[in-house]
Every structure is written in C-alpha cells, then in structure tokens.
C-alpha cells in the first residue's frame, strides 16, 4: 500500500480517460487539478 499506490492509480485512470476522450474527439484531462 502507501500513497505510492494511489498516485499511479490516478495516472492509470487518466490514461483510460484520455483514451476515451480521444475516441470521442474530446479534450484530454490535461492539467488535472
């Protein structure tokens, strides 16, 4: 565990987000905050 597991978890989810955004011709997440 550790927050070392949380950071790549969110990064991986962002990859899924960006993948779907690209398929829908939508903007990717970008500057996340």
ModelCIF file with pLDDT and N, C-alpha, C, O atoms, coordinates in Angstrom:
data_MODEL
#
_entry.id   MODEL 
#
_entity.id                         1 
_entity.type                       polymer 
_entity.pdbx_number_of_molecules   1 
#
_entity_poly.entity_id                      1 
_entity_poly.type                           'polypeptide(L)' 
_entity_poly.nstd_linkage                   no 
_entity_poly.nstd_monomer                   no 
_entity_poly.pdbx_seq_one_letter_code       
;(UNK)(UNK)(UNK)(UNK)(UNK)(UNK)(UNK)(UNK)(UNK)(UNK)(UNK)(UNK)(UNK)(UNK)(UNK)(UNK)
(UNK)(UNK)(UNK)(UNK)(UNK)(UNK)(UNK)(UNK)(UNK)(UNK)(UNK)(UNK)(UNK)(UNK)(UNK)(UNK)
(UNK)
;
_entity_poly.pdbx_seq_one_letter_code_can   XXXXXXXXXXXXXXXXXXXXXXXXXXXXXXXXX 
_entity_poly.pdbx_strand_id                 A 
#
loop_
_entity_poly_seq.entity_id 
_entity_poly_seq.num 
_entity_poly_seq.mon_id 
_entity_poly_seq.hetero 
1 1  UNK n 
1 2  UNK n 
1 3  UNK n 
1 4  UNK n 
1 5  UNK n 
1 6  UNK n 
1 7  UNK n 
1 8  UNK n 
1 9  UNK n 
1 10 UNK n 
1 11 UNK n 
1 12 UNK n 
1 13 UNK n 
1 14 UNK n 
1 15 UNK n 
1 16 UNK n 
1 17 UNK n 
1 18 UNK n 
1 19 UNK n 
1 20 UNK n 
1 21 UNK n 
1 22 UNK n 
1 23 UNK n 
1 24 UNK n 
1 25 UNK n 
1 26 UNK n 
1 27 UNK n 
1 28 UNK n 
1 29 UNK n 
1 30 UNK n 
1 31 UNK n 
1 32 UNK n 
1 33 UNK n 
#
_struct_asym.id          A 
_struct_asym.entity_id   1 
#
loop_
_ma_qa_metric.id 
_ma_qa_metric.mode 
_ma_qa_metric.name 
_ma_qa_metric.software_group_id 
_ma_qa_metric.type 
1 global pLDDT . pLDDT 
2 local  pLDDT . pLDDT 
#
_ma_qa_metric_global.metric_id      1 
_ma_qa_metric_global.metric_value   97.79 
_ma_qa_metric_global.model_id       1 
_ma_qa_metric_global.ordinal_id     1 
#
loop_
_ma_qa_metric_local.label_asym_id 
_ma_qa_metric_local.label_comp_id 
_ma_qa_metric_local.label_seq_id 
_ma_qa_metric_local.metric_id 
_ma_qa_metric_local.metric_value 
_ma_qa_metric_local.model_id 
_ma_qa_metric_local.ordinal_id 
A UNK 1  2 97.00 1 1  
A UNK 2  2 97.00 1 2  
A UNK 3  2 98.00 1 3  
A UNK 4  2 97.00 1 4  
A UNK 5  2 98.00 1 5  
A UNK 6  2 98.00 1 6  
A UNK 7  2 98.00 1 7  
A UNK 8  2 98.00 1 8  
A UNK 9  2 98.00 1 9  
A UNK 10 2 99.00 1 10 
A UNK 11 2 99.00 1 11 
A UNK 12 2 99.00 1 12 
A UNK 13 2 99.00 1 13 
A UNK 14 2 99.00 1 14 
A UNK 15 2 98.00 1 15 
A UNK 16 2 98.00 1 16 
A UNK 17 2 98.00 1 17 
A UNK 18 2 98.00 1 18 
A UNK 19 2 98.00 1 19 
A UNK 20 2 98.00 1 20 
A UNK 21 2 98.00 1 21 
A UNK 22 2 98.00 1 22 
A UNK 23 2 98.00 1 23 
A UNK 24 2 98.00 1 24 
A UNK 25 2 97.00 1 25 
A UNK 26 2 96.00 1 26 
A UNK 27 2 96.00 1 27 
A UNK 28 2 97.00 1 28 
A UNK 29 2 98.00 1 29 
A UNK 30 2 98.00 1 30 
A UNK 31 2 97.00 1 31 
A UNK 32 2 98.00 1 32 
A UNK 33 2 96.00 1 33 
#
loop_
_atom_site.group_PDB 
_atom_site.id 
_atom_site.type_symbol 
_atom_site.label_atom_id 
_atom_site.label_alt_id 
_atom_site.label_comp_id 
_atom_site.label_asym_id 
_atom_site.label_entity_id 
_atom_site.label_seq_id 
_atom_site.pdbx_PDB_ins_code 
_atom_site.Cartn_x 
_atom_site.Cartn_y 
_atom_site.Cartn_z 
_atom_site.occupancy 
_atom_site.B_iso_or_equiv 
_atom_site.pdbx_formal_charge 
_atom_site.auth_seq_id 
_atom_site.auth_comp_id 
_atom_site.auth_asym_id 
_atom_site.auth_atom_id 
_atom_site.pdbx_PDB_model_num 
ATOM 1   N N  . UNK A 1 1  ? 0.839   -1.190 0.000   1.00 97.00 ? 1  UNK A N  1 
ATOM 2   C CA . UNK A 1 1  ? 0.000   0.000  0.000   1.00 97.00 ? 1  UNK A CA 1 
ATOM 3   C C  . UNK A 1 1  ? 0.869   1.232  0.000   1.00 97.00 ? 1  UNK A C  1 
ATOM 4   O O  . UNK A 1 1  ? 1.938   1.257  -0.610  1.00 97.00 ? 1  UNK A O  1 
ATOM 5   N N  . UNK A 1 2  ? 0.398   2.264  0.695   1.00 97.00 ? 2  UNK A N  1 
ATOM 6   C CA . UNK A 1 2  ? 1.091   3.546  0.669   1.00 97.00 ? 2  UNK A CA 1 
ATOM 7   C C  . UNK A 1 2  ? 0.517   4.424  -0.426  1.00 97.00 ? 2  UNK A C  1 
ATOM 8   O O  . UNK A 1 2  ? -0.085  3.935  -1.381  1.00 97.00 ? 2  UNK A O  1 
ATOM 9   N N  . UNK A 1 3  ? 0.712   5.731  -0.275  1.00 98.00 ? 3  UNK A N  1 
ATOM 10  C CA . UNK A 1 3  ? 0.214   6.630  -1.320  1.00 98.00 ? 3  UNK A CA 1 
ATOM 11  C C  . UNK A 1 3  ? 0.979   6.433  -2.617  1.00 98.00 ? 3  UNK A C  1 
ATOM 12  O O  . UNK A 1 3  ? 0.607   6.988  -3.651  1.00 98.00 ? 3  UNK A O  1 
ATOM 13  N N  . UNK A 1 4  ? 2.045   5.645  -2.566  1.00 97.00 ? 4  UNK A N  1 
ATOM 14  C CA . UNK A 1 4  ? 2.738   5.223  -3.782  1.00 97.00 ? 4  UNK A CA 1 
ATOM 15  C C  . UNK A 1 4  ? 1.826   4.382  -4.668  1.00 97.00 ? 4  UNK A C  1 
ATOM 16  O O  . UNK A 1 4  ? 2.050   4.292  -5.875  1.00 97.00 ? 4  UNK A O  1 
ATOM 17  N N  . UNK A 1 5  ? 0.811   3.771  -4.091  1.00 98.00 ? 5  UNK A N  1 
ATOM 18  C CA . UNK A 1 5  ? -0.156  3.029  -4.900  1.00 98.00 ? 5  UNK A CA 1 
ATOM 19  C C  . UNK A 1 5  ? -1.255  3.943  -5.429  1.00 98.00 ? 5  UNK A C  1 
ATOM 20  O O  . UNK A 1 5  ? -1.852  3.662  -6.468  1.00 98.00 ? 5  UNK A O  1 
ATOM 21  N N  . UNK A 1 6  ? -1.522  5.037  -4.718  1.00 98.00 ? 6  UNK A N  1 
ATOM 22  C CA . UNK A 1 6  ? -2.602  5.944  -5.122  1.00 98.00 ? 6  UNK A CA 1 
ATOM 23  C C  . UNK A 1 6  ? -2.222  6.794  -6.333  1.00 98.00 ? 6  UNK A C  1 
ATOM 24  O O  . UNK A 1 6  ? -3.041  6.996  -7.229  1.00 98.00 ? 6  UNK A O  1 
ATOM 25  N N  . UNK A 1 7  ? -0.984  7.293  -6.364  1.00 98.00 ? 7  UNK A N  1 
ATOM 26  C CA . UNK A 1 7  ? -0.571  8.168  -7.479  1.00 98.00 ? 7  UNK A CA 1 
ATOM 27  C C  . UNK A 1 7  ? -0.611  7.446  -8.826  1.00 98.00 ? 7  UNK A C  1 
ATOM 28  O O  . UNK A 1 7  ? -1.220  7.969  -9.759  1.00 98.00 ? 7  UNK A O  1 
ATOM 29  N N  . UNK A 1 8  ? 0.014   6.258  -8.976  1.00 98.00 ? 8  UNK A N  1 
ATOM 30  C CA . UNK A 1 8  ? -0.087  5.580  -10.276 1.00 98.00 ? 8  UNK A CA 1 
ATOM 31  C C  . UNK A 1 8  ? -1.499  5.100  -10.586 1.00 98.00 ? 8  UNK A C  1 
ATOM 32  O O  . UNK A 1 8  ? -1.855  4.947  -11.754 1.00 98.00 ? 8  UNK A O  1 
ATOM 33  N N  . UNK A 1 9  ? -2.312  4.858  -9.552  1.00 98.00 ? 9  UNK A N  1 
ATOM 34  C CA . UNK A 1 9  ? -3.717  4.504  -9.767  1.00 98.00 ? 9  UNK A CA 1 
ATOM 35  C C  . UNK A 1 9  ? -4.416  5.632  -10.524 1.00 98.00 ? 9  UNK A C  1 
ATOM 36  O O  . UNK A 1 9  ? -5.080  5.386  -11.531 1.00 98.00 ? 9  UNK A O  1 
ATOM 37  N N  . UNK A 1 10 ? -4.271  6.864  -10.042 1.00 99.00 ? 10 UNK A N  1 
ATOM 38  C CA . UNK A 1 10 ? -4.884  8.005  -10.717 1.00 99.00 ? 10 UNK A CA 1 
ATOM 39  C C  . UNK A 1 10 ? -4.260  8.249  -12.092 1.00 99.00 ? 10 UNK A C  1 
ATOM 40  O O  . UNK A 1 10 ? -4.956  8.658  -13.022 1.00 99.00 ? 10 UNK A O  1 
ATOM 41  N N  . UNK A 1 11 ? -2.968  8.006  -12.227 1.00 99.00 ? 11 UNK A N  1 
ATOM 42  C CA . UNK A 1 11 ? -2.314  8.173  -13.535 1.00 99.00 ? 11 UNK A CA 1 
ATOM 43  C C  . UNK A 1 11 ? -2.875  7.178  -14.544 1.00 99.00 ? 11 UNK A C  1 
ATOM 44  O O  . UNK A 1 11 ? -3.128  7.526  -15.697 1.00 99.00 ? 11 UNK A O  1 
ATOM 45  N N  . UNK A 1 12 ? -3.067  5.928  -14.097 1.00 99.00 ? 12 UNK A N  1 
ATOM 46  C CA . UNK A 1 12 ? -3.628  4.911  -14.982 1.00 99.00 ? 12 UNK A CA 1 
ATOM 47  C C  . UNK A 1 12 ? -5.059  5.251  -15.372 1.00 99.00 ? 12 UNK A C  1 
ATOM 48  O O  . UNK A 1 12 ? -5.447  5.090  -16.529 1.00 99.00 ? 12 UNK A O  1 
ATOM 49  N N  . UNK A 1 13 ? -5.850  5.724  -14.401 1.00 99.00 ? 13 UNK A N  1 
ATOM 50  C CA . UNK A 1 13 ? -7.217  6.142  -14.717 1.00 99.00 ? 13 UNK A CA 1 
ATOM 51  C C  . UNK A 1 13 ? -7.215  7.288  -15.727 1.00 99.00 ? 13 UNK A C  1 
ATOM 52  O O  . UNK A 1 13 ? -8.077  7.345  -16.603 1.00 99.00 ? 13 UNK A O  1 
ATOM 53  N N  . UNK A 1 14 ? -6.260  8.190  -15.608 1.00 99.00 ? 14 UNK A N  1 
ATOM 54  C CA . UNK A 1 14 ? -6.151  9.298  -16.566 1.00 99.00 ? 14 UNK A CA 1 
ATOM 55  C C  . UNK A 1 14 ? -5.852  8.773  -17.965 1.00 99.00 ? 14 UNK A C  1 
ATOM 56  O O  . UNK A 1 14 ? -6.331  9.336  -18.949 1.00 99.00 ? 14 UNK A O  1 
ATOM 57  N N  . UNK A 1 15 ? -5.063  7.696  -18.070 1.00 98.00 ? 15 UNK A N  1 
ATOM 58  C CA . UNK A 1 15 ? -4.797  7.100  -19.379 1.00 98.00 ? 15 UNK A CA 1 
ATOM 59  C C  . UNK A 1 15 ? -6.083  6.568  -19.996 1.00 98.00 ? 15 UNK A C  1 
ATOM 60  O O  . UNK A 1 15 ? -6.298  6.707  -21.200 1.00 98.00 ? 15 UNK A O  1 
ATOM 61  N N  . UNK A 1 16 ? -6.942  5.956  -19.177 1.00 98.00 ? 16 UNK A N  1 
ATOM 62  C CA . UNK A 1 16 ? -8.240  5.494  -19.670 1.00 98.00 ? 16 UNK A CA 1 
ATOM 63  C C  . UNK A 1 16 ? -9.097  6.683  -20.087 1.00 98.00 ? 16 UNK A C  1 
ATOM 64  O O  . UNK A 1 16 ? -9.733  6.664  -21.140 1.00 98.00 ? 16 UNK A O  1 
ATOM 65  N N  . UNK A 1 17 ? -9.106  7.717  -19.250 1.00 98.00 ? 17 UNK A N  1 
ATOM 66  C CA . UNK A 1 17 ? -9.859  8.936  -19.566 1.00 98.00 ? 17 UNK A CA 1 
ATOM 67  C C  . UNK A 1 17 ? -9.400  9.514  -20.906 1.00 98.00 ? 17 UNK A C  1 
ATOM 68  O O  . UNK A 1 17 ? -10.223 9.808  -21.772 1.00 98.00 ? 17 UNK A O  1 
ATOM 69  N N  . UNK A 1 18 ? -8.104  9.674  -21.072 1.00 98.00 ? 18 UNK A N  1 
ATOM 70  C CA . UNK A 1 18 ? -7.573  10.274 -22.297 1.00 98.00 ? 18 UNK A CA 1 
ATOM 71  C C  . UNK A 1 18 ? -7.832  9.402  -23.519 1.00 98.00 ? 18 UNK A C  1 
ATOM 72  O O  . UNK A 1 18 ? -8.067  9.914  -24.614 1.00 98.00 ? 18 UNK A O  1 
ATOM 73  N N  . UNK A 1 19 ? -7.789  8.088  -23.334 1.00 98.00 ? 19 UNK A N  1 
ATOM 74  C CA . UNK A 1 19 ? -8.099  7.152  -24.416 1.00 98.00 ? 19 UNK A CA 1 
ATOM 75  C C  . UNK A 1 19 ? -9.533  7.365  -24.898 1.00 98.00 ? 19 UNK A C  1 
ATOM 76  O O  . UNK A 1 19 ? -9.775  7.487  -26.099 1.00 98.00 ? 19 UNK A O  1 
ATOM 77  N N  . UNK A 1 20 ? -10.476 7.411  -23.967 1.00 98.00 ? 20 UNK A N  1 
ATOM 78  C CA . UNK A 1 20 ? -11.878 7.613  -24.345 1.00 98.00 ? 20 UNK A CA 1 
ATOM 79  C C  . UNK A 1 20 ? -12.110 9.013  -24.900 1.00 98.00 ? 20 UNK A C  1 
ATOM 80  O O  . UNK A 1 20 ? -12.861 9.188  -25.859 1.00 98.00 ? 20 UNK A O  1 
ATOM 81  N N  . UNK A 1 21 ? -11.463 10.014 -24.294 1.00 98.00 ? 21 UNK A N  1 
ATOM 82  C CA . UNK A 1 21 ? -11.614 11.387 -24.787 1.00 98.00 ? 21 UNK A CA 1 
ATOM 83  C C  . UNK A 1 21 ? -11.156 11.494 -26.238 1.00 98.00 ? 21 UNK A C  1 
ATOM 84  O O  . UNK A 1 21 ? -11.805 12.148 -27.055 1.00 98.00 ? 21 UNK A O  1 
ATOM 85  N N  . UNK A 1 22 ? -10.037 10.850 -26.551 1.00 98.00 ? 22 UNK A N  1 
ATOM 86  C CA . UNK A 1 22 ? -9.544  10.884 -27.925 1.00 98.00 ? 22 UNK A CA 1 
ATOM 87  C C  . UNK A 1 22 ? -10.511 10.239 -28.893 1.00 98.00 ? 22 UNK A C  1 
ATOM 88  O O  . UNK A 1 22 ? -10.716 10.737 -30.000 1.00 98.00 ? 22 UNK A O  1 
ATOM 89  N N  . UNK A 1 23 ? -11.114 9.119  -28.475 1.00 98.00 ? 23 UNK A N  1 
ATOM 90  C CA . UNK A 1 23 ? -12.066 8.426  -29.345 1.00 98.00 ? 23 UNK A CA 1 
ATOM 91  C C  . UNK A 1 23 ? -13.317 9.256  -29.584 1.00 98.00 ? 23 UNK A C  1 
ATOM 92  O O  . UNK A 1 23 ? -13.960 9.138  -30.628 1.00 98.00 ? 23 UNK A O  1 
ATOM 93  N N  . UNK A 1 24 ? -13.659 10.095 -28.615 1.00 98.00 ? 24 UNK A N  1 
ATOM 94  C CA . UNK A 1 24 ? -14.861 10.933 -28.718 1.00 98.00 ? 24 UNK A CA 1 
ATOM 95  C C  . UNK A 1 24 ? -14.560 12.337 -29.232 1.00 98.00 ? 24 UNK A C  1 
ATOM 96  O O  . UNK A 1 24 ? -15.441 13.196 -29.276 1.00 98.00 ? 24 UNK A O  1 
ATOM 97  N N  . UNK A 1 25 ? -13.305 12.560 -29.622 1.00 97.00 ? 25 UNK A N  1 
ATOM 98  C CA . UNK A 1 25 ? -12.857 13.878 -30.086 1.00 97.00 ? 25 UNK A CA 1 
ATOM 99  C C  . UNK A 1 25 ? -13.081 14.953 -29.028 1.00 97.00 ? 25 UNK A C  1 
ATOM 100 O O  . UNK A 1 25 ? -13.420 16.095 -29.334 1.00 97.00 ? 25 UNK A O  1 
ATOM 101 N N  . UNK A 1 26 ? -12.880 14.553 -27.778 1.00 96.00 ? 26 UNK A N  1 
ATOM 102 C CA . UNK A 1 26 ? -12.997 15.480 -26.654 1.00 96.00 ? 26 UNK A CA 1 
ATOM 103 C C  . UNK A 1 26 ? -11.599 15.836 -26.130 1.00 96.00 ? 26 UNK A C  1 
ATOM 104 O O  . UNK A 1 26 ? -10.621 15.147 -26.422 1.00 96.00 ? 26 UNK A O  1 
ATOM 105 N N  . UNK A 1 27 ? -11.526 16.904 -25.364 1.00 96.00 ? 27 UNK A N  1 
ATOM 106 C CA . UNK A 1 27 ? -10.246 17.314 -24.784 1.00 96.00 ? 27 UNK A CA 1 
ATOM 107 C C  . UNK A 1 27 ? -9.807  16.304 -23.730 1.00 96.00 ? 27 UNK A C  1 
ATOM 108 O O  . UNK A 1 27 ? -10.629 15.776 -22.980 1.00 96.00 ? 27 UNK A O  1 
ATOM 109 N N  . UNK A 1 28 ? -8.514  16.045 -23.681 1.00 97.00 ? 28 UNK A N  1 
ATOM 110 C CA . UNK A 1 28 ? -7.973  15.152 -22.668 1.00 97.00 ? 28 UNK A CA 1 
ATOM 111 C C  . UNK A 1 28 ? -7.932  15.878 -21.323 1.00 97.00 ? 28 UNK A C  1 
ATOM 112 O O  . UNK A 1 28 ? -8.181  17.081 -21.248 1.00 97.00 ? 28 UNK A O  1 
ATOM 113 N N  . UNK A 1 29 ? -7.617  15.136 -20.271 1.00 98.00 ? 29 UNK A N  1 
ATOM 114 C CA . UNK A 1 29 ? -7.701  15.713 -18.936 1.00 98.00 ? 29 UNK A CA 1 
ATOM 115 C C  . UNK A 1 29 ? -6.759  16.902 -18.774 1.00 98.00 ? 29 UNK A C  1 
ATOM 116 O O  . UNK A 1 29 ? -7.143  17.911 -18.182 1.00 98.00 ? 29 UNK A O  1 
ATOM 117 N N  . UNK A 1 30 ? -5.530  16.802 -19.290 1.00 98.00 ? 30 UNK A N  1 
ATOM 118 C CA . UNK A 1 30 ? -4.584  17.921 -19.212 1.00 98.00 ? 30 UNK A CA 1 
ATOM 119 C C  . UNK A 1 30 ? -4.195  18.243 -17.781 1.00 98.00 ? 30 UNK A C  1 
ATOM 120 O O  . UNK A 1 30 ? -4.018  17.342 -16.962 1.00 98.00 ? 30 UNK A O  1 
ATOM 121 N N  . UNK A 1 31 ? -4.060  19.545 -17.474 1.00 97.00 ? 31 UNK A N  1 
ATOM 122 C CA . UNK A 1 31 ? -3.718  19.960 -16.113 1.00 97.00 ? 31 UNK A CA 1 
ATOM 123 C C  . UNK A 1 31 ? -4.815  19.456 -15.192 1.00 97.00 ? 31 UNK A C  1 
ATOM 124 O O  . UNK A 1 31 ? -5.921  19.996 -15.174 1.00 97.00 ? 31 UNK A O  1 
ATOM 125 N N  . UNK A 1 32 ? -4.500  18.408 -14.421 1.00 98.00 ? 32 UNK A N  1 
ATOM 126 C CA . UNK A 1 32 ? -5.532  17.639 -13.730 1.00 98.00 ? 32 UNK A CA 1 
ATOM 127 C C  . UNK A 1 32 ? -6.289  18.438 -12.680 1.00 98.00 ? 32 UNK A C  1 
ATOM 128 O O  . UNK A 1 32 ? -7.509  18.304 -12.584 1.00 98.00 ? 32 UNK A O  1 
ATOM 129 N N  . UNK A 1 33 ? -5.617  19.255 -11.897 1.00 96.00 ? 33 UNK A N  1 
ATOM 130 C CA . UNK A 1 33 ? -6.321  19.960 -10.822 1.00 96.00 ? 33 UNK A CA 1 
ATOM 131 C C  . UNK A 1 33 ? -7.431  20.857 -11.349 1.00 96.00 ? 33 UNK A C  1 
ATOM 132 O O  . UNK A 1 33 ? -8.115  21.517 -10.566 1.00 96.00 ? 33 UNK A O  1 
#
